[in-house]
Amino acid sequence: MATSSKRMSFDINESFERAAAQFRGLDMKEPGQWPLLPRLAAWALVALVVVALGWVLLLSEQSDLLQAERDREPALKADYRAKLGQAINLSELRKQKLQVEEYVVQLEKQLPGKAEMDALLSDINQAGLGRGLQFELFRPGQVVVKDYYAELPIAIRVSGRYHDMGAFAADVANLSRIVTLHDLAISTPQREANGTLAMEATARTYRYLDPAEIEEQRKARAAAKAAAGAKR
């Protein structure tokens, strides 16, 4: 038994000695000439380094993605709360939407069409005459076309009593169509001594655009946008 133990110990020591001998005197410039065991060890080391680098890089990328998702979490929560609030109040929001749409329709009805503008100008004139005012000037200006409506300024100058002028302004405000008064200036004519005043103002009335005018506006905006893009 003692002889067998000594022989086994000798064989193991001899094997380790042989393996260690293969690693001595290796030429680092000629790895292809190395014995089998150093080559296997080198391949294993390279494979281990590659796996380790790949693992580190993969974990780093996943860590960045995880942090990015964590950064998005507060915004997503806020968005969720907002949408949840909208969902809870959906019926009320729908009622408000219908009310706004009805209000817009009412406002649109207060805008005359192109064919109704003459009648509206006559209504403004009659409102002044009905209050006993004398029109010294009633001159419609140039129509200003906006995106979805057109604006017509009217230069007016009337003379009469102060209270009649106030009643005229109230009558204009109560017309079925939208008319606003701007740049009001009231003065006392030097030649008048009976309490008559003169009022100058600009009345602005508005009308909606017909389909042809809306299309023309759309084309004009598209052309302006294209020209701006070409300049860049």
C-alpha atoms as a PDB file:
ATOM      1  CA  MET A   1       0.000   0.000   0.000  1.00  0.00           C
ATOM      2  CA  ALA A   2       2.833   2.358   0.864  1.00  0.00           C
ATOM      3  CA  THR A   3       4.524   1.588  -2.427  1.00  0.00           C
ATOM      4  CA  SER A   4       1.295   2.359  -4.370  1.00  0.00           C
ATOM      5  CA  SER A   5       0.866   5.697  -2.591  1.00  0.00           C
ATOM      6  CA  LYS A   6       4.421   6.703  -3.339  1.00  0.00           C
ATOM      7  CA  ARG A   7       4.012   5.721  -7.000  1.00  0.00           C
ATOM      8  CA  MET A   8       0.764   7.712  -7.319  1.00  0.00           C
ATOM      9  CA  SER A   9       2.334  10.759  -5.699  1.00  0.00           C
ATOM     10  CA  PHE A  10       5.316  10.417  -8.008  1.00  0.00           C
ATOM     11  CA  ASP A  11       3.041  10.208 -11.086  1.00  0.00           C
ATOM     12  CA  ILE A  12       1.106  13.339 -10.069  1.00  0.00           C
ATOM     13  CA  ASN A  13       4.267  15.273  -9.369  1.00  0.00           C
ATOM     14  CA  GLU A  14       5.691  14.140 -12.664  1.00  0.00           C
ATOM     15  CA  SER A  15       2.532  15.223 -14.505  1.00  0.00           C
ATOM     16  CA  PHE A  16       2.636  18.673 -12.907  1.00  0.00           C
ATOM     17  CA  GLU A  17       6.304  18.928 -13.757  1.00  0.00           C
ATOM     18  CA  ARG A  18       5.616  18.089 -17.402  1.00  0.00           C
ATOM     19  CA  ALA A  19       2.786  20.617 -17.557  1.00  0.00           C
ATOM     20  CA  ALA A  20       4.910  23.314 -15.964  1.00  0.00           C
ATOM     21  CA  ALA A  21       7.764  22.494 -18.332  1.00  0.00           C
ATOM     22  CA  GLN A  22       5.487  23.339 -21.317  1.00  0.00           C
ATOM     23  CA  PHE A  23       5.071  26.876 -19.976  1.00  0.00           C
ATOM     24  CA  ARG A  24       8.797  27.516 -19.612  1.00  0.00           C
ATOM     25  CA  GLY A  25      10.711  29.381 -22.283  1.00  0.00           C
ATOM     26  CA  LEU A  26       7.658  30.306 -24.359  1.00  0.00           C
ATOM     27  CA  ASP A  27       8.323  32.669 -27.251  1.00  0.00           C
ATOM     28  CA  MET A  28       5.624  35.333 -27.052  1.00  0.00           C
ATOM     29  CA  LYS A  29       6.250  36.277 -30.683  1.00  0.00           C
ATOM     30  CA  GLU A  30       5.508  32.734 -31.922  1.00  0.00           C
ATOM     31  CA  PRO A  31       2.386  31.525 -30.083  1.00  0.00           C
ATOM     32  CA  GLY A  32       1.727  29.105 -32.893  1.00  0.00           C
ATOM     33  CA  GLN A  33       4.867  27.175 -31.907  1.00  0.00           C
ATOM     34  CA  TRP A  34       3.779  26.729 -28.300  1.00  0.00           C
ATOM     35  CA  PRO A  35       3.036  23.264 -26.908  1.00  0.00           C
ATOM     36  CA  LEU A  36      -0.568  22.122 -26.763  1.00  0.00           C
ATOM     37  CA  LEU A  37      -1.244  22.950 -23.115  1.00  0.00           C
ATOM     38  CA  PRO A  38      -0.117  26.638 -23.270  1.00  0.00           C
ATOM     39  CA  ARG A  39      -2.116  27.101 -26.458  1.00  0.00           C
ATOM     40  CA  LEU A  40      -5.239  25.675 -24.828  1.00  0.00           C
ATOM     41  CA  ALA A  41      -4.667  27.858 -21.801  1.00  0.00           C
ATOM     42  CA  ALA A  42      -4.209  30.952 -24.022  1.00  0.00           C
ATOM     43  CA  TRP A  43      -7.376  30.181 -25.969  1.00  0.00           C
ATOM     44  CA  ALA A  44      -9.311  29.697 -22.728  1.00  0.00           C
ATOM     45  CA  LEU A  45      -7.988  33.001 -21.382  1.00  0.00           C
ATOM     46  CA  VAL A  46      -8.899  34.871 -24.574  1.00  0.00           C
ATOM     47  CA  ALA A  47     -12.355  33.321 -24.575  1.00  0.00           C
ATOM     48  CA  LEU A  48     -12.814  34.289 -20.924  1.00  0.00           C
ATOM     49  CA  VAL A  49     -11.739  37.899 -21.619  1.00  0.00           C
ATOM     50  CA  VAL A  50     -14.095  38.149 -24.619  1.00  0.00           C
ATOM     51  CA  VAL A  51     -16.993  36.779 -22.603  1.00  0.00           C
ATOM     52  CA  ALA A  52     -16.213  39.115 -19.708  1.00  0.00           C
ATOM     53  CA  LEU A  53     -15.988  42.203 -21.986  1.00  0.00           C
ATOM     54  CA  GLY A  54     -19.189  41.243 -23.777  1.00  0.00           C
ATOM     55  CA  TRP A  55     -20.956  40.772 -20.484  1.00  0.00           C
ATOM     56  CA  VAL A  56     -19.749  44.104 -19.130  1.00  0.00           C
ATOM     57  CA  LEU A  57     -20.723  45.964 -22.314  1.00  0.00           C
ATOM     58  CA  LEU A  58     -24.117  44.300 -22.438  1.00  0.00           C
ATOM     59  CA  LEU A  59     -24.814  45.092 -18.821  1.00  0.00           C
ATOM     60  CA  SER A  60     -23.682  48.678 -19.348  1.00  0.00           C
ATOM     61  CA  GLU A  61     -26.063  49.147 -22.270  1.00  0.00           C
ATOM     62  CA  GLN A  62     -28.925  47.546 -20.397  1.00  0.00           C
ATOM     63  CA  SER A  63     -28.146  49.726 -17.390  1.00  0.00           C
ATOM     64  CA  ASP A  64     -28.377  52.847 -19.558  1.00  0.00           C
ATOM     65  CA  LEU A  65     -31.699  51.659 -20.958  1.00  0.00           C
ATOM     66  CA  LEU A  66     -32.968  50.962 -17.466  1.00  0.00           C
ATOM     67  CA  GLN A  67     -31.976  54.445 -16.304  1.00  0.00           C
ATOM     68  CA  ALA A  68     -33.643  56.002 -19.344  1.00  0.00           C
ATOM     69  CA  GLU A  69     -36.862  54.154 -18.542  1.00  0.00           C
ATOM     70  CA  ARG A  70     -36.627  55.265 -14.932  1.00  0.00           C
ATOM     71  CA  ASP A  71     -36.240  58.871 -16.105  1.00  0.00           C
ATOM     72  CA  ARG A  72     -39.383  58.492 -18.204  1.00  0.00           C
ATOM     73  CA  GLU A  73     -41.378  57.143 -15.292  1.00  0.00           C
ATOM     74  CA  PRO A  74     -42.386  60.521 -13.724  1.00  0.00           C
ATOM     75  CA  ALA A  75     -43.590  61.900 -17.077  1.00  0.00           C
ATOM     76  CA  LEU A  76     -45.541  58.715 -17.806  1.00  0.00           C
ATOM     77  CA  LYS A  77     -47.144  58.831 -14.374  1.00  0.00           C
ATOM     78  CA  ALA A  78     -48.139  62.465 -14.872  1.00  0.00           C
ATOM     79  CA  ASP A  79     -49.573  61.647 -18.297  1.00  0.00           C
ATOM     80  CA  TYR A  80     -51.454  58.711 -16.806  1.00  0.00           C
ATOM     81  CA  ARG A  81     -52.944  60.891 -14.057  1.00  0.00           C
ATOM     82  CA  ALA A  82     -54.012  63.512 -16.611  1.00  0.00           C
ATOM     83  CA  LYS A  83     -55.664  60.922 -18.848  1.00  0.00           C
ATOM     84  CA  LEU A  84     -57.271  59.272 -15.843  1.00  0.00           C
ATOM     85  CA  GLY A  85     -58.727  62.607 -14.819  1.00  0.00           C
ATOM     86  CA  GLN A  86     -60.039  63.130 -18.349  1.00  0.00           C
ATOM     87  CA  ALA A  87     -61.550  59.662 -18.378  1.00  0.00           C
ATOM     88  CA  ILE A  88     -63.283  60.288 -15.049  1.00  0.00           C
ATOM     89  CA  ASN A  89     -64.658  63.637 -16.286  1.00  0.00           C
ATOM     90  CA  LEU A  90     -65.328  62.436 -19.829  1.00  0.00           C
ATOM     91  CA  SER A  91     -69.068  63.006 -19.704  1.00  0.00           C
ATOM     92  CA  GLU A  92     -68.606  66.530 -18.328  1.00  0.00           C
ATOM     93  CA  LEU A  93     -65.946  67.302 -20.946  1.00  0.00           C
ATOM     94  CA  ARG A  94     -68.296  66.140 -23.691  1.00  0.00           C
ATOM     95  CA  LYS A  95     -71.008  68.458 -22.386  1.00  0.00           C
ATOM     96  CA  GLN A  96     -68.541  71.347 -22.360  1.00  0.00           C
ATOM     97  CA  LYS A  97     -67.457  70.474 -25.905  1.00  0.00           C
ATOM     98  CA  LEU A  98     -71.091  70.583 -27.067  1.00  0.00           C
ATOM     99  CA  GLN A  99     -71.582  73.926 -25.326  1.00  0.00           C
ATOM    100  CA  VAL A 100     -68.501  75.380 -26.986  1.00  0.00           C
ATOM    101  CA  GLU A 101     -69.617  74.085 -30.392  1.00  0.00           C
ATOM    102  CA  GLU A 102     -73.062  75.635 -29.904  1.00  0.00           C
ATOM    103  CA  TYR A 103     -71.434  78.924 -28.880  1.00  0.00           C
ATOM    104  CA  VAL A 104     -69.222  78.889 -31.974  1.00  0.00           C
ATOM    105  CA  VAL A 105     -72.272  78.241 -34.170  1.00  0.00           C
ATOM    106  CA  GLN A 106     -74.034  81.201 -32.568  1.00  0.00           C
ATOM    107  CA  LEU A 107     -71.032  83.428 -33.222  1.00  0.00           C
ATOM    108  CA  GLU A 108     -70.852  82.246 -36.824  1.00  0.00           C
ATOM    109  CA  LYS A 109     -74.495  83.165 -37.268  1.00  0.00           C
ATOM    110  CA  GLN A 110     -73.616  86.690 -36.184  1.00  0.00           C
ATOM    111  CA  LEU A 111     -71.159  86.985 -39.058  1.00  0.00           C
ATOM    112  CA  PRO A 112     -72.904  88.072 -42.254  1.00  0.00           C
ATOM    113  CA  GLY A 113     -72.051  86.685 -45.641  1.00  0.00           C
ATOM    114  CA  LYS A 114     -70.744  88.760 -48.517  1.00  0.00           C
ATOM    115  CA  ALA A 115     -74.264  89.260 -49.875  1.00  0.00           C
ATOM    116  CA  GLU A 116     -75.526  90.564 -46.512  1.00  0.00           C
ATOM    117  CA  MET A 117     -72.929  93.285 -46.060  1.00  0.00           C
ATOM    118  CA  ASP A 118     -74.959  95.983 -47.832  1.00  0.00           C
ATOM    119  CA  ALA A 119     -77.934  95.321 -45.546  1.00  0.00           C
ATOM    120  CA  LEU A 120     -75.667  95.512 -42.490  1.00  0.00           C
ATOM    121  CA  LEU A 121     -74.225  98.857 -43.593  1.00  0.00           C
ATOM    122  CA  SER A 122     -77.768 100.113 -44.016  1.00  0.00           C
ATOM    123  CA  ASP A 123     -78.628  98.914 -40.484  1.00  0.00           C
ATOM    124  CA  ILE A 124     -75.705 100.874 -39.031  1.00  0.00           C
ATOM    125  CA  ASN A 125     -76.772 103.980 -40.917  1.00  0.00           C
ATOM    126  CA  GLN A 126     -80.399 103.598 -39.815  1.00  0.00           C
ATOM    127  CA  ALA A 127     -79.278 103.143 -36.202  1.00  0.00           C
ATOM    128  CA  GLY A 128     -77.685 106.594 -36.311  1.00  0.00           C
ATOM    129  CA  LEU A 129     -80.564 108.274 -38.116  1.00  0.00           C
ATOM    130  CA  GLY A 130     -83.052 106.683 -35.735  1.00  0.00           C
ATOM    131  CA  ARG A 131     -81.325 108.471 -32.854  1.00  0.00           C
ATOM    132  CA  GLY A 132     -81.451 111.830 -34.632  1.00  0.00           C
ATOM    133  CA  LEU A 133     -77.755 111.908 -35.519  1.00  0.00           C
ATOM    134  CA  GLN A 134     -76.477 113.587 -38.655  1.00  0.00           C
ATOM    135  CA  PHE A 135     -73.935 111.584 -40.656  1.00  0.00           C
ATOM    136  CA  GLU A 136     -71.187 113.809 -41.973  1.00  0.00           C
ATOM    137  CA  LEU A 137     -69.073 110.812 -43.009  1.00  0.00           C
ATOM    138  CA  PHE A 138     -69.894 107.158 -43.636  1.00  0.00           C
ATOM    139  CA  ARG A 139     -67.099 105.615 -45.688  1.00  0.00           C
ATOM    140  CA  PRO A 140     -66.447 101.842 -45.850  1.00  0.00           C
ATOM    141  CA  GLY A 141     -62.735 101.064 -46.131  1.00  0.00           C
ATOM    142  CA  GLN A 142     -60.725  98.278 -47.671  1.00  0.00           C
ATOM    143  CA  VAL A 143     -61.714  94.748 -46.695  1.00  0.00           C
ATOM    144  CA  VAL A 144     -59.022  92.976 -44.667  1.00  0.00           C
ATOM    145  CA  VAL A 145     -59.095  89.216 -45.216  1.00  0.00           C
ATOM    146  CA  LYS A 146     -57.985  87.086 -42.259  1.00  0.00           C
ATOM    147  CA  ASP A 147     -57.600  83.314 -42.038  1.00  0.00           C
ATOM    148  CA  TYR A 148     -61.288  82.497 -41.635  1.00  0.00           C
ATOM    149  CA  TYR A 149     -63.099  85.804 -41.794  1.00  0.00           C
ATOM    150  CA  ALA A 150     -62.982  89.224 -43.417  1.00  0.00           C
ATOM    151  CA  GLU A 151     -62.970  92.556 -41.608  1.00  0.00           C
ATOM    152  CA  LEU A 152     -64.524  95.734 -43.009  1.00  0.00           C
ATOM    153  CA  PRO A 153     -63.614  99.065 -41.338  1.00  0.00           C
ATOM    154  CA  ILE A 154     -66.057 101.946 -41.732  1.00  0.00           C
ATOM    155  CA  ALA A 155     -65.012 105.515 -40.982  1.00  0.00           C
ATOM    156  CA  ILE A 156     -67.927 107.463 -39.505  1.00  0.00           C
ATOM    157  CA  ARG A 157     -68.429 111.010 -38.270  1.00  0.00           C
ATOM    158  CA  VAL A 158     -71.739 112.049 -36.785  1.00  0.00           C
ATOM    159  CA  SER A 159     -73.058 115.064 -34.974  1.00  0.00           C
ATOM    160  CA  GLY A 160     -75.811 115.236 -32.369  1.00  0.00           C
ATOM    161  CA  ARG A 161     -76.479 115.219 -28.668  1.00  0.00           C
ATOM    162  CA  TYR A 162     -74.343 113.279 -26.217  1.00  0.00           C
ATOM    163  CA  HIS A 163     -77.095 110.950 -25.027  1.00  0.00           C
ATOM    164  CA  ASP A 164     -78.140 110.220 -28.601  1.00  0.00           C
ATOM    165  CA  MET A 165     -74.563 109.214 -29.391  1.00  0.00           C
ATOM    166  CA  GLY A 166     -74.562 106.863 -26.397  1.00  0.00           C
ATOM    167  CA  ALA A 167     -77.881 105.341 -27.528  1.00  0.00           C
ATOM    168  CA  PHE A 168     -76.449 104.938 -31.044  1.00  0.00           C
ATOM    169  CA  ALA A 169     -73.438 103.055 -29.665  1.00  0.00           C
ATOM    170  CA  ALA A 170     -75.774 100.784 -27.687  1.00  0.00           C
ATOM    171  CA  ASP A 171     -77.931 100.158 -30.764  1.00  0.00           C
ATOM    172  CA  VAL A 172     -74.839  99.204 -32.780  1.00  0.00           C
ATOM    173  CA  ALA A 173     -73.772  96.788 -30.044  1.00  0.00           C
ATOM    174  CA  ASN A 174     -77.229  95.180 -30.085  1.00  0.00           C
ATOM    175  CA  LEU A 175     -77.351  94.584 -33.823  1.00  0.00           C
ATOM    176  CA  SER A 176     -77.906  90.966 -34.825  1.00  0.00           C
ATOM    177  CA  ARG A 177     -74.513  91.021 -36.550  1.00  0.00           C
ATOM    178  CA  ILE A 178     -71.177  91.729 -34.879  1.00  0.00           C
ATOM    179  CA  VAL A 179     -70.188  95.400 -35.142  1.00  0.00           C
ATOM    180  CA  THR A 180     -67.587  97.044 -32.909  1.00  0.00           C
ATOM    181  CA  LEU A 181     -66.686 100.702 -32.489  1.00  0.00           C
ATOM    182  CA  HIS A 182     -63.051 101.743 -32.213  1.00  0.00           C
ATOM    183  CA  ASP A 183     -61.079 104.969 -31.728  1.00  0.00           C
ATOM    184  CA  LEU A 184     -64.040 107.014 -30.554  1.00  0.00           C
ATOM    185  CA  ALA A 185     -63.358 110.740 -30.276  1.00  0.00           C
ATOM    186  CA  ILE A 186     -66.020 113.226 -29.185  1.00  0.00           C
ATOM    187  CA  SER A 187     -65.482 116.937 -29.620  1.00  0.00           C
ATOM    188  CA  THR A 188     -67.443 120.194 -29.540  1.00  0.00           C
ATOM    189  CA  PRO A 189     -67.569 121.972 -32.908  1.00  0.00           C
ATOM    190  CA  GLN A 190     -66.643 125.637 -32.560  1.00  0.00           C
ATOM    191  CA  ARG A 191     -69.427 126.743 -34.816  1.00  0.00           C
ATOM    192  CA  GLU A 192     -72.073 125.001 -32.681  1.00  0.00           C
ATOM    193  CA  ALA A 193     -73.361 126.592 -29.522  1.00  0.00           C
ATOM    194  CA  ASN A 194     -76.502 124.520 -28.891  1.00  0.00           C
ATOM    195  CA  GLY A 195     -74.845 121.556 -27.173  1.00  0.00           C
ATOM    196  CA  THR A 196     -74.342 119.569 -30.336  1.00  0.00           C
ATOM    197  CA  LEU A 197     -71.285 117.316 -30.291  1.00  0.00           C
ATOM    198  CA  ALA A 198     -69.299 115.618 -33.037  1.00  0.00           C
ATOM    199  CA  MET A 199     -68.135 112.026 -32.789  1.00  0.00           C
ATOM    200  CA  GLU A 200     -65.600 110.319 -34.983  1.00  0.00           C
ATOM    201  CA  ALA A 201     -65.064 106.549 -34.817  1.00  0.00           C
ATOM    202  CA  THR A 202     -64.202 103.495 -36.825  1.00  0.00           C
ATOM    203  CA  ALA A 203     -66.878 100.833 -36.950  1.00  0.00           C
ATOM    204  CA  ARG A 204     -65.614  97.359 -37.719  1.00  0.00           C
ATOM    205  CA  THR A 205     -67.871  94.629 -38.961  1.00  0.00           C
ATOM    206  CA  TYR A 206     -66.941  91.090 -39.844  1.00  0.00           C
ATOM    207  CA  ARG A 207     -68.152  88.461 -42.258  1.00  0.00           C
ATOM    208  CA  TYR A 208     -67.276  84.852 -42.820  1.00  0.00           C
ATOM    209  CA  LEU A 209     -65.417  83.813 -45.946  1.00  0.00           C
ATOM    210  CA  ASP A 210     -67.177  81.818 -48.615  1.00  0.00           C
ATOM    211  CA  PRO A 211     -65.641  78.474 -49.746  1.00  0.00           C
ATOM    212  CA  ALA A 212     -63.836  80.073 -52.700  1.00  0.00           C
ATOM    213  CA  GLU A 213     -62.194  82.667 -50.442  1.00  0.00           C
ATOM    214  CA  ILE A 214     -61.184  80.004 -47.908  1.00  0.00           C
ATOM    215  CA  GLU A 215     -59.561  77.960 -50.668  1.00  0.00           C
ATOM    216  CA  GLU A 216     -57.775  81.056 -51.932  1.00  0.00           C
ATOM    217  CA  GLN A 217     -56.463  81.733 -48.412  1.00  0.00           C
ATOM    218  CA  ARG A 218     -55.289  78.128 -48.114  1.00  0.00           C
ATOM    219  CA  LYS A 219     -53.383  78.374 -51.384  1.00  0.00           C
ATOM    220  CA  ALA A 220     -51.834  81.683 -50.317  1.00  0.00           C
ATOM    221  CA  ARG A 221     -50.607  80.189 -47.024  1.00  0.00           C
ATOM    222  CA  ALA A 222     -49.200  77.158 -48.831  1.00  0.00           C
ATOM    223  CA  ALA A 223     -47.385  79.396 -51.319  1.00  0.00           C
ATOM    224  CA  ALA A 224     -45.966  81.555 -48.528  1.00  0.00           C
ATOM    225  CA  LYS A 225     -44.788  78.465 -46.679  1.00  0.00           C
ATOM    226  CA  ALA A 226     -43.146  77.098 -49.809  1.00  0.00           C
ATOM    227  CA  ALA A 227     -41.413  80.430 -50.468  1.00  0.00           C
ATOM    228  CA  ALA A 228     -40.119  80.533 -46.877  1.00  0.00           C
ATOM    229  CA  GLY A 229     -38.783  77.006 -47.251  1.00  0.00           C
ATOM    230  CA  ALA A 230     -37.047  77.872 -50.526  1.00  0.00           C
ATOM    231  CA  LYS A 231     -35.270  80.834 -48.883  1.00  0.00           C
ATOM    232  CA  ARG A 232     -33.785  78.526 -46.267  1.00  0.00           C
END
